[in-house]
PDB file of N, CA and C in Angstrom:
ATOM      1  N   MET A   1       4.880  56.311 -23.002  1.00  0.00           N
ATOM      2  CA  MET A   1       3.772  55.511 -22.756  1.00  0.00           C
ATOM      3  C   MET A   1       4.388  53.674 -22.590  1.00  0.00           C
ATOM      4  N   LYS A   2       5.421  53.729 -23.546  1.00  0.00           N
ATOM      5  CA  LYS A   2       6.247  52.627 -23.476  1.00  0.00           C
ATOM      6  C   LYS A   2       6.377  52.268 -22.467  1.00  0.00           C
ATOM      7  N   LEU A   3       7.092  52.950 -21.326  1.00  0.00           N
ATOM      8  CA  LEU A   3       7.790  53.105 -20.209  1.00  0.00           C
ATOM      9  C   LEU A   3       6.351  52.210 -19.265  1.00  0.00           C
ATOM     10  N   LYS A   4       5.511  52.574 -19.087  1.00  0.00           N
ATOM     11  CA  LYS A   4       4.116  52.440 -18.502  1.00  0.00           C
ATOM     12  C   LYS A   4       4.105  51.303 -19.131  1.00  0.00           C
ATOM     13  N   LEU A   5       3.984  50.940 -20.442  1.00  0.00           N
ATOM     14  CA  LEU A   5       3.826  49.606 -20.908  1.00  0.00           C
ATOM     15  C   LEU A   5       4.299  48.515 -20.693  1.00  0.00           C
ATOM     16  N   ALA A   6       5.886  48.558 -20.557  1.00  0.00           N
ATOM     17  CA  ALA A   6       6.755  48.024 -20.195  1.00  0.00           C
ATOM     18  C   ALA A   6       6.851  47.818 -18.879  1.00  0.00           C
ATOM     19  N   SER A   7       6.359  48.659 -18.030  1.00  0.00           N
ATOM     20  CA  SER A   7       6.111  48.899 -16.606  1.00  0.00           C
ATOM     21  C   SER A   7       5.484  47.858 -16.377  1.00  0.00           C
ATOM     22  N   ALA A   8       4.644  48.100 -16.712  1.00  0.00           N
ATOM     23  CA  ALA A   8       3.112  46.818 -16.579  1.00  0.00           C
ATOM     24  C   ALA A   8       3.505  45.497 -16.393  1.00  0.00           C
ATOM     25  N   ALA A   9       4.319  44.830 -17.968  1.00  0.00           N
ATOM     26  CA  ALA A   9       4.712  43.798 -18.388  1.00  0.00           C
ATOM     27  C   ALA A   9       5.418  43.007 -17.510  1.00  0.00           C
ATOM     28  N   ALA A  10       6.645  43.823 -16.594  1.00  0.00           N
ATOM     29  CA  ALA A  10       7.556  43.432 -16.020  1.00  0.00           C
ATOM     30  C   ALA A  10       6.939  43.000 -14.753  1.00  0.00           C
ATOM     31  N   ILE A  11       6.275  43.671 -13.975  1.00  0.00           N
ATOM     32  CA  ILE A  11       5.569  43.498 -12.804  1.00  0.00           C
ATOM     33  C   ILE A  11       4.451  42.531 -13.180  1.00  0.00           C
ATOM     34  N   ALA A  12       3.832  42.450 -14.229  1.00  0.00           N
ATOM     35  CA  ALA A  12       3.124  40.685 -14.724  1.00  0.00           C
ATOM     36  C   ALA A  12       3.957  39.670 -14.684  1.00  0.00           C
ATOM     37  N   LEU A  13       4.837  39.729 -15.018  1.00  0.00           N
ATOM     38  CA  LEU A  13       5.724  38.735 -15.324  1.00  0.00           C
ATOM     39  C   LEU A  13       6.257  38.261 -13.703  1.00  0.00           C
ATOM     40  N   MET A  14       6.737  39.217 -13.409  1.00  0.00           N
ATOM     41  CA  MET A  14       6.859  39.188 -11.869  1.00  0.00           C
ATOM     42  C   MET A  14       6.422  38.323 -11.151  1.00  0.00           C
ATOM     43  N   LEU A  15       5.098  38.902 -11.228  1.00  0.00           N
ATOM     44  CA  LEU A  15       3.459  38.107 -10.385  1.00  0.00           C
ATOM     45  C   LEU A  15       3.523  37.060 -10.704  1.00  0.00           C
ATOM     46  N   ALA A  16       3.679  36.790 -12.011  1.00  0.00           N
ATOM     47  CA  ALA A  16       3.004  34.960 -12.346  1.00  0.00           C
ATOM     48  C   ALA A  16       4.615  34.232 -11.919  1.00  0.00           C
ATOM     49  N   GLY A  17       5.965  34.538 -12.466  1.00  0.00           N
ATOM     50  CA  GLY A  17       6.664  34.089 -11.882  1.00  0.00           C
ATOM     51  C   GLY A  17       6.958  33.509 -10.333  1.00  0.00           C
ATOM     52  N   GLY A  18       6.175  34.265  -9.256  1.00  0.00           N
ATOM     53  CA  GLY A  18       6.093  33.774  -7.883  1.00  0.00           C
ATOM     54  C   GLY A  18       5.664  33.143  -8.002  1.00  0.00           C
ATOM     55  N   ALA A  19       4.483  33.397  -8.682  1.00  0.00           N
ATOM     56  CA  ALA A  19       3.287  32.291  -8.342  1.00  0.00           C
ATOM     57  C   ALA A  19       3.994  30.812  -8.600  1.00  0.00           C
ATOM     58  N   ALA A  20       4.770  30.829  -9.778  1.00  0.00           N
ATOM     59  CA  ALA A  20       4.740  29.723  -9.998  1.00  0.00           C
ATOM     60  C   ALA A  20       6.386  29.040  -9.165  1.00  0.00           C
ATOM     61  N   LEU A  21       6.897  30.009  -8.634  1.00  0.00           N
ATOM     62  CA  LEU A  21       7.916  29.446  -7.539  1.00  0.00           C
ATOM     63  C   LEU A  21       7.000  28.820  -6.826  1.00  0.00           C
ATOM     64  N   ALA A  22       6.329  29.893  -5.971  1.00  0.00           N
ATOM     65  CA  ALA A  22       5.349  29.350  -4.798  1.00  0.00           C
ATOM     66  C   ALA A  22       4.654  27.632  -4.886  1.00  0.00           C
ATOM     67  N   GLN A  23       4.296  27.788  -6.158  1.00  0.00           N
ATOM     68  CA  GLN A  23       3.994  26.433  -6.610  1.00  0.00           C
ATOM     69  C   GLN A  23       4.639  24.880  -6.338  1.00  0.00           C
ATOM     70  N   SER A  24       6.013  25.481  -6.506  1.00  0.00           N
ATOM     71  CA  SER A  24       6.901  23.766  -7.011  1.00  0.00           C
ATOM     72  C   SER A  24       7.252  24.334  -5.250  1.00  0.00           C
ATOM     73  N   ALA A  25       7.688  24.894  -4.524  1.00  0.00           N
ATOM     74  CA  ALA A  25       8.440  24.591  -3.349  1.00  0.00           C
ATOM     75  C   ALA A  25       7.331  23.441  -2.075  1.00  0.00           C
ATOM     76  N   THR A  26       8.437  22.688  -1.384  1.00  0.00           N
ATOM     77  CA  THR A  26       8.207  22.199  -0.797  1.00  0.00           C
ATOM     78  C   THR A  26       7.025  22.359   0.309  1.00  0.00           C
ATOM     79  N   THR A  27       6.002  21.407   0.556  1.00  0.00           N
ATOM     80  CA  THR A  27       4.999  21.931   1.933  1.00  0.00           C
ATOM     81  C   THR A  27       5.509  20.810   2.938  1.00  0.00           C
ATOM     82  N   ALA A  28       4.992  20.580   3.678  1.00  0.00           N
ATOM     83  CA  ALA A  28       5.026  19.744   4.995  1.00  0.00           C
ATOM     84  C   ALA A  28       3.804  18.817   4.663  1.00  0.00           C
ATOM     85  N   ALA A  29       4.111  17.780   5.352  1.00  0.00           N
ATOM     86  CA  ALA A  29       3.348  16.182   4.817  1.00  0.00           C
ATOM     87  C   ALA A  29       1.951  16.612   5.491  1.00  0.00           C
ATOM     88  N   PRO A  30       0.737  16.132   4.895  1.00  0.00           N
ATOM     89  CA  PRO A  30      -0.037  16.507   5.592  1.00  0.00           C
ATOM     90  C   PRO A  30      -0.456  15.251   6.506  1.00  0.00           C
ATOM     91  N   ASP A  31      -0.826  15.535   7.731  1.00  0.00           N
ATOM     92  CA  ASP A  31      -1.515  15.420   8.220  1.00  0.00           C
ATOM     93  C   ASP A  31      -2.159  13.847   8.307  1.00  0.00           C
ATOM     94  N   THR A  32      -1.808  13.021   8.853  1.00  0.00           N
ATOM     95  CA  THR A  32      -2.698  11.516   8.392  1.00  0.00           C
ATOM     96  C   THR A  32      -2.641  10.725  10.056  1.00  0.00           C
ATOM     97  N   THR A  33      -2.757  11.331  10.664  1.00  0.00           N
ATOM     98  CA  THR A  33      -3.240  10.688  11.838  1.00  0.00           C
ATOM     99  C   THR A  33      -4.112  10.438  12.359  1.00  0.00           C
ATOM    100  N   GLN A  34      -5.203  10.983  11.888  1.00  0.00           N
ATOM    101  CA  GLN A  34      -6.259  10.488  12.012  1.00  0.00           C
ATOM    102  C   GLN A  34      -7.072   9.398  10.804  1.00  0.00           C
ATOM    103  N   SER A  35      -6.447   9.405   9.543  1.00  0.00           N
ATOM    104  CA  SER A  35      -6.799   8.405   8.534  1.00  0.00           C
ATOM    105  C   SER A  35      -6.011   7.257   9.513  1.00  0.00           C
ATOM    106  N   ASP A  36      -4.449   7.388   9.711  1.00  0.00           N
ATOM    107  CA  ASP A  36      -4.023   6.165  10.180  1.00  0.00           C
ATOM    108  C   ASP A  36      -4.086   5.591  11.467  1.00  0.00           C
ATOM    109  N   LYS A  37      -5.288   5.822  12.135  1.00  0.00           N
ATOM    110  CA  LYS A  37      -6.200   5.524  13.104  1.00  0.00           C
ATOM    111  C   LYS A  37      -7.080   4.589  12.570  1.00  0.00           C
ATOM    112  N   LEU A  38      -7.593   5.024  11.723  1.00  0.00           N
ATOM    113  CA  LEU A  38      -9.180   4.344  10.783  1.00  0.00           C
ATOM    114  C   LEU A  38      -8.820   3.224   9.879  1.00  0.00           C
ATOM    115  N   HIS A  39      -7.579   3.261   9.895  1.00  0.00           N
ATOM    116  CA  HIS A  39      -7.038   2.285   8.556  1.00  0.00           C
ATOM    117  C   HIS A  39      -7.307   0.778   9.534  1.00  0.00           C
ATOM    118  N   THR A  40      -7.094   0.244  10.579  1.00  0.00           N
ATOM    119  CA  THR A  40      -7.687  -0.895  11.447  1.00  0.00           C
ATOM    120  C   THR A  40      -9.258  -0.974  10.637  1.00  0.00           C
ATOM    121  N   LEU A  41      -9.824   0.407  11.351  1.00  0.00           N
ATOM    122  CA  LEU A  41     -11.183   0.018  11.261  1.00  0.00           C
ATOM    123  C   LEU A  41     -11.533   0.016  10.265  1.00  0.00           C
ATOM    124  N   GLU A  42     -11.301   0.299   8.875  1.00  0.00           N
ATOM    125  CA  GLU A  42     -12.090   0.318   7.717  1.00  0.00           C
ATOM    126  C   GLU A  42     -11.218  -1.203   7.020  1.00  0.00           C
ATOM    127  N   ASP A  43     -10.209  -1.768   7.606  1.00  0.00           N
ATOM    128  CA  ASP A  43      -9.650  -3.021   7.257  1.00  0.00           C
ATOM    129  C   ASP A  43     -10.920  -3.870   6.966  1.00  0.00           C
ATOM    130  N   PRO A  44     -11.536  -4.508   5.577  1.00  0.00           N
ATOM    131  CA  PRO A  44     -12.436  -5.266   5.394  1.00  0.00           C
ATOM    132  C   PRO A  44     -12.070  -6.736   6.012  1.00  0.00           C
ATOM    133  N   ALA A  45     -10.753  -7.061   6.171  1.00  0.00           N
ATOM    134  CA  ALA A  45      -9.916  -8.479   6.404  1.00  0.00           C
ATOM    135  C   ALA A  45      -9.733  -8.063   8.057  1.00  0.00           C
ATOM    136  N   MET A  46     -10.055  -7.132   8.949  1.00  0.00           N
ATOM    137  CA  MET A  46     -10.017  -6.845  10.144  1.00  0.00           C
ATOM    138  C   MET A  46     -11.350  -6.902  10.617  1.00  0.00           C
ATOM    139  N   THR A  47     -12.320  -6.319  10.209  1.00  0.00           N
ATOM    140  CA  THR A  47     -13.550  -5.956  10.692  1.00  0.00           C
ATOM    141  C   THR A  47     -15.299  -6.594   9.973  1.00  0.00           C
ATOM    142  N   GLY A  48     -14.541  -6.977   9.019  1.00  0.00           N
ATOM    143  CA  GLY A  48     -15.140  -7.566   7.840  1.00  0.00           C
ATOM    144  C   GLY A  48     -16.777  -8.812   8.477  1.00  0.00           C
ATOM    145  N   PRO A  49     -15.687  -9.323   9.490  1.00  0.00           N
ATOM    146  CA  PRO A  49     -16.426 -10.409   9.781  1.00  0.00           C
ATOM    147  C   PRO A  49     -17.336 -10.271  11.003  1.00  0.00           C
ATOM    148  N   PHE A  50     -17.563  -9.027  11.300  1.00  0.00           N
ATOM    149  CA  PHE A  50     -18.843  -8.259  12.344  1.00  0.00           C
ATOM    150  C   PHE A  50     -19.683  -7.603  11.509  1.00  0.00           C
ATOM    151  N   PHE A  51     -19.752  -7.985  10.467  1.00  0.00           N
ATOM    152  CA  PHE A  51     -20.281  -7.041   8.980  1.00  0.00           C
ATOM    153  C   PHE A  51     -21.418  -8.086   8.280  1.00  0.00           C
ATOM    154  N   THR A  52     -22.612  -7.886   7.908  1.00  0.00           N
ATOM    155  CA  THR A  52     -23.187  -9.082   7.003  1.00  0.00           C
ATOM    156  C   THR A  52     -23.304  -8.955   5.417  1.00  0.00           C
ATOM    157  N   ASP A  53     -22.587  -7.343   5.100  1.00  0.00           N
ATOM    158  CA  ASP A  53     -22.396  -7.136   3.666  1.00  0.00           C
ATOM    159  C   ASP A  53     -20.907  -6.357   3.396  1.00  0.00           C
ATOM    160  N   ASP A  54     -20.681  -6.202   2.302  1.00  0.00           N
ATOM    161  CA  ASP A  54     -19.400  -5.814   1.972  1.00  0.00           C
ATOM    162  C   ASP A  54     -19.182  -4.726   2.265  1.00  0.00           C
ATOM    163  N   THR A  55     -19.890  -3.981   1.965  1.00  0.00           N
ATOM    164  CA  THR A  55     -20.118  -2.416   2.340  1.00  0.00           C
ATOM    165  C   THR A  55     -20.393  -1.855   3.695  1.00  0.00           C
ATOM    166  N   MET A  56     -19.977  -2.993   4.583  1.00  0.00           N
ATOM    167  CA  MET A  56     -19.922  -3.054   6.388  1.00  0.00           C
ATOM    168  C   MET A  56     -20.682  -1.768   6.702  1.00  0.00           C
ATOM    169  N   THR A  57     -22.308  -2.199   6.755  1.00  0.00           N
ATOM    170  CA  THR A  57     -22.700  -0.986   6.734  1.00  0.00           C
ATOM    171  C   THR A  57     -24.099  -1.635   7.833  1.00  0.00           C
ATOM    172  N   THR A  58     -24.157  -3.200   7.677  1.00  0.00           N
ATOM    173  CA  THR A  58     -25.135  -3.862   8.390  1.00  0.00           C
ATOM    174  C   THR A  58     -24.348  -4.839   9.639  1.00  0.00           C
ATOM    175  N   MET A  59     -24.024  -4.731  10.538  1.00  0.00           N
ATOM    176  CA  MET A  59     -23.986  -5.062  11.742  1.00  0.00           C
ATOM    177  C   MET A  59     -24.518  -6.726  11.764  1.00  0.00           C
ATOM    178  N   ARG A  60     -23.697  -7.752  12.250  1.00  0.00           N
ATOM    179  CA  ARG A  60     -24.109  -8.919  12.553  1.00  0.00           C
ATOM    180  C   ARG A  60     -24.886  -8.794  13.844  1.00  0.00           C
ATOM    181  N   SER A  61     -25.263 -10.253  14.225  1.00  0.00           N
ATOM    182  CA  SER A  61     -26.276 -10.307  15.122  1.00  0.00           C
ATOM    183  C   SER A  61     -25.096 -10.512  16.707  1.00  0.00           C
ATOM    184  N   ASP A  62     -25.859 -10.077  18.025  1.00  0.00           N
ATOM    185  CA  ASP A  62     -24.672  -9.973  19.224  1.00  0.00           C
ATOM    186  C   ASP A  62     -23.685 -11.398  19.416  1.00  0.00           C
ATOM    187  N   GLU A  63     -24.546 -12.461  18.911  1.00  0.00           N
ATOM    188  CA  GLU A  63     -24.218 -13.772  18.901  1.00  0.00           C
ATOM    189  C   GLU A  63     -23.023 -13.636  17.660  1.00  0.00           C
ATOM    190  N   GLU A  64     -23.537 -13.553  17.003  1.00  0.00           N
ATOM    191  CA  GLU A  64     -22.672 -13.606  15.568  1.00  0.00           C
ATOM    192  C   GLU A  64     -21.014 -12.663  15.863  1.00  0.00           C
ATOM    193  N   MET A  65     -21.229 -11.596  16.562  1.00  0.00           N
ATOM    194  CA  MET A  65     -20.333 -10.827  16.691  1.00  0.00           C
ATOM    195  C   MET A  65     -19.186 -11.193  17.829  1.00  0.00           C
ATOM    196  N   LYS A  66     -20.289 -11.985  18.902  1.00  0.00           N
ATOM    197  CA  LYS A  66     -18.978 -12.657  19.782  1.00  0.00           C
ATOM    198  C   LYS A  66     -18.480 -13.557  19.356  1.00  0.00           C
ATOM    199  N   THR A  67     -18.619 -14.256  18.333  1.00  0.00           N
ATOM    200  CA  THR A  67     -17.940 -15.939  17.706  1.00  0.00           C
ATOM    201  C   THR A  67     -16.792 -15.059  16.927  1.00  0.00           C
ATOM    202  N   ALA A  68     -17.398 -14.018  16.077  1.00  0.00           N
ATOM    203  CA  ALA A  68     -15.625 -13.605  15.259  1.00  0.00           C
ATOM    204  C   ALA A  68     -15.079 -13.014  16.158  1.00  0.00           C
ATOM    205  N   TRP A  69     -15.303 -12.284  17.491  1.00  0.00           N
ATOM    206  CA  TRP A  69     -14.298 -11.995  18.415  1.00  0.00           C
ATOM    207  C   TRP A  69     -13.952 -12.968  19.055  1.00  0.00           C
ATOM    208  N   ALA A  70     -14.250 -13.962  19.010  1.00  0.00           N
ATOM    209  CA  ALA A  70     -13.791 -15.105  19.732  1.00  0.00           C
ATOM    210  C   ALA A  70     -12.815 -15.616  18.632  1.00  0.00           C
ATOM    211  N   ALA A  71     -12.780 -15.781  17.565  1.00  0.00           N
ATOM    212  CA  ALA A  71     -12.113 -15.812  16.480  1.00  0.00           C
ATOM    213  C   ALA A  71     -10.727 -15.717  15.690  1.00  0.00           C
ATOM    214  N   MET A  72     -10.703 -14.458  16.105  1.00  0.00           N
ATOM    215  CA  MET A  72      -9.660 -13.349  16.110  1.00  0.00           C
ATOM    216  C   MET A  72      -8.528 -13.838  17.501  1.00  0.00           C
ATOM    217  N   SER A  73      -7.473 -13.312  16.343  1.00  0.00           N
ATOM    218  CA  SER A  73      -6.241 -13.060  17.447  1.00  0.00           C
ATOM    219  C   SER A  73      -6.183 -12.402  18.880  1.00  0.00           C
ATOM    220  N   ALA A  74      -5.387 -12.644  19.784  1.00  0.00           N
ATOM    221  CA  ALA A  74      -5.677 -11.829  20.697  1.00  0.00           C
ATOM    222  C   ALA A  74      -4.800 -10.288  20.232  1.00  0.00           C
ATOM    223  N   GLU A  75      -3.952 -10.156  19.495  1.00  0.00           N
ATOM    224  CA  GLU A  75      -3.107  -8.846  18.836  1.00  0.00           C
ATOM    225  C   GLU A  75      -4.335  -8.224  18.208  1.00  0.00           C
ATOM    226  N   ASN A  76      -5.321  -9.112  17.419  1.00  0.00           N
ATOM    227  CA  ASN A  76      -5.864  -8.208  16.393  1.00  0.00           C
ATOM    228  C   ASN A  76      -7.548  -7.784  17.370  1.00  0.00           C
ATOM    229  N   GLN A  77      -7.634  -8.553  18.485  1.00  0.00           N
ATOM    230  CA  GLN A  77      -8.199  -7.951  19.594  1.00  0.00           C
ATOM    231  C   GLN A  77      -8.021  -6.544  20.086  1.00  0.00           C
ATOM    232  N   LYS A  78      -6.616  -6.836  20.506  1.00  0.00           N
ATOM    233  CA  LYS A  78      -6.240  -5.625  21.380  1.00  0.00           C
ATOM    234  C   LYS A  78      -5.946  -4.058  20.448  1.00  0.00           C
ATOM    235  N   MET A  79      -5.539  -4.676  18.827  1.00  0.00           N
ATOM    236  CA  MET A  79      -5.337  -3.565  17.626  1.00  0.00           C
ATOM    237  C   MET A  79      -6.513  -3.076  17.935  1.00  0.00           C
ATOM    238  N   LEU A  80      -7.990  -4.097  17.635  1.00  0.00           N
ATOM    239  CA  LEU A  80      -9.139  -2.907  17.744  1.00  0.00           C
ATOM    240  C   LEU A  80      -9.578  -2.285  18.586  1.00  0.00           C
ATOM    241  N   LYS A  81      -9.519  -3.007  19.906  1.00  0.00           N
ATOM    242  CA  LYS A  81      -9.988  -2.301  21.132  1.00  0.00           C
ATOM    243  C   LYS A  81      -8.979  -0.809  20.786  1.00  0.00           C
ATOM    244  N   GLU A  82      -7.639  -0.402  20.676  1.00  0.00           N
ATOM    245  CA  GLU A  82      -7.218   0.452  20.737  1.00  0.00           C
ATOM    246  C   GLU A  82      -8.042   1.823  19.843  1.00  0.00           C
ATOM    247  N   GLN A  83      -8.131   1.308  18.601  1.00  0.00           N
ATOM    248  CA  GLN A  83      -8.620   2.132  17.789  1.00  0.00           C
ATOM    249  C   GLN A  83      -9.803   2.139  17.642  1.00  0.00           C
ATOM    250  N   CYS A  84     -10.639   1.850  18.594  1.00  0.00           N
ATOM    251  CA  CYS A  84     -11.959   1.953  18.803  1.00  0.00           C
ATOM    252  C   CYS A  84     -11.431   2.704  20.307  1.00  0.00           C
ATOM    253  N   ALA A  85     -10.857   3.169  20.903  1.00  0.00           N
ATOM    254  CA  ALA A  85     -10.931   3.925  22.356  1.00  0.00           C
ATOM    255  C   ALA A  85     -10.129   5.122  21.663  1.00  0.00           C
ATOM    256  N   THR A  86      -9.905   5.038  20.346  1.00  0.00           N
ATOM    257  CA  THR A  86      -8.773   6.581  20.131  1.00  0.00           C
ATOM    258  C   THR A  86      -9.832   7.451  18.768  1.00  0.00           C
ATOM    259  N   THR A  87     -10.328   6.268  18.213  1.00  0.00           N
ATOM    260  CA  THR A  87     -11.202   7.794  17.052  1.00  0.00           C
ATOM    261  C   THR A  87     -12.345   8.207  17.355  1.00  0.00           C
ATOM    262  N   GLU A  88     -12.302   9.048  16.657  1.00  0.00           N
ATOM    263  CA  GLU A  88     -13.634  10.422  16.844  1.00  0.00           C
ATOM    264  C   GLU A  88     -14.197  10.329  15.681  1.00  0.00           C
ATOM    265  N   SER A  89     -14.194   9.278  14.891  1.00  0.00           N
ATOM    266  CA  SER A  89     -15.309   9.226  13.817  1.00  0.00           C
ATOM    267  C   SER A  89     -16.839   8.460  14.571  1.00  0.00           C
ATOM    268  N   VAL A  90     -17.679   9.331  13.825  1.00  0.00           N
ATOM    269  CA  VAL A  90     -19.119   8.738  13.938  1.00  0.00           C
ATOM    270  C   VAL A  90     -19.381   7.364  13.560  1.00  0.00           C
ATOM    271  N   LYS A  91     -18.763   7.409  12.227  1.00  0.00           N
ATOM    272  CA  LYS A  91     -18.869   6.308  11.107  1.00  0.00           C
ATOM    273  C   LYS A  91     -18.679   4.642  12.197  1.00  0.00           C
ATOM    274  N   PHE A  92     -18.071   5.136  12.787  1.00  0.00           N
ATOM    275  CA  PHE A  92     -17.813   3.527  14.214  1.00  0.00           C
ATOM    276  C   PHE A  92     -17.959   3.402  15.228  1.00  0.00           C
ATOM    277  N   LYS A  93     -19.197   4.648  15.538  1.00  0.00           N
ATOM    278  CA  LYS A  93     -19.772   4.973  17.555  1.00  0.00           C
ATOM    279  C   LYS A  93     -20.117   3.545  17.369  1.00  0.00           C
ATOM    280  N   GLU A  94     -21.438   2.577  16.539  1.00  0.00           N
ATOM    281  CA  GLU A  94     -22.084   1.979  16.991  1.00  0.00           C
ATOM    282  C   GLU A  94     -21.177   0.567  17.204  1.00  0.00           C
ATOM    283  N   PHE A  95     -20.493   0.374  15.688  1.00  0.00           N
ATOM    284  CA  PHE A  95     -19.170  -0.675  15.892  1.00  0.00           C
ATOM    285  C   PHE A  95     -18.653  -1.067  17.273  1.00  0.00           C
ATOM    286  N   CYS A  96     -17.872   0.347  17.124  1.00  0.00           N
ATOM    287  CA  CYS A  96     -16.887   0.807  18.615  1.00  0.00           C
ATOM    288  C   CYS A  96     -17.713   0.226  19.732  1.00  0.00           C
ATOM    289  N   GLY A  97     -18.794   0.323  19.866  1.00  0.00           N
ATOM    290  CA  GLY A  97     -19.489   0.600  21.165  1.00  0.00           C
ATOM    291  C   GLY A  97     -19.796  -1.524  21.991  1.00  0.00           C
ATOM    292  N   LYS A  98     -19.861  -1.875  20.577  1.00  0.00           N
ATOM    293  CA  LYS A  98     -20.099  -3.295  20.827  1.00  0.00           C
ATOM    294  C   LYS A  98     -18.384  -4.047  20.964  1.00  0.00           C
ATOM    295  N   ILE A  99     -17.688  -3.100  20.415  1.00  0.00           N
ATOM    296  CA  ILE A  99     -16.247  -3.965  20.555  1.00  0.00           C
ATOM    297  C   ILE A  99     -16.037  -3.770  21.672  1.00  0.00           C
ATOM    298  N   SER A 100     -15.898  -2.831  22.607  1.00  0.00           N
ATOM    299  CA  SER A 100     -15.593  -1.836  23.531  1.00  0.00           C
ATOM    300  C   SER A 100     -16.222  -2.926  24.861  1.00  0.00           C
ATOM    301  N   ALA A 101     -17.320  -3.246  24.618  1.00  0.00           N
ATOM    302  CA  ALA A 101     -17.706  -4.507  25.197  1.00  0.00           C
ATOM    303  C   ALA A 101     -17.796  -5.835  25.261  1.00  0.00           C
ATOM    304  N   MET A 102     -16.684  -5.813  24.519  1.00  0.00           N
ATOM    305  CA  MET A 102     -16.322  -7.311  24.316  1.00  0.00           C
ATOM    306  C   MET A 102     -15.201  -7.970  25.684  1.00  0.00           C
TER     307      MET A 102
END
């Protein structure tokens, strides 16, 4: 009986030790490709002028958007167009549609 109890305790310790080792092992870095693509589109400094509020849910009129677009540097315009062309996020579908048309 003592042998069975000792064996069960040893197995339990072995399993618990294995789980602890598995948690401390290094893992691959998470794939941040999509989140990196969204960074520019979610940056209020970049896209804020196209929206009427801080939550960036209500877009400005087409004329106001054209004015904000014209005020941006060519580099930022290019970056926004590239981000819109590669994003798969539904959140930016309407915004990117307007940006792509400019």
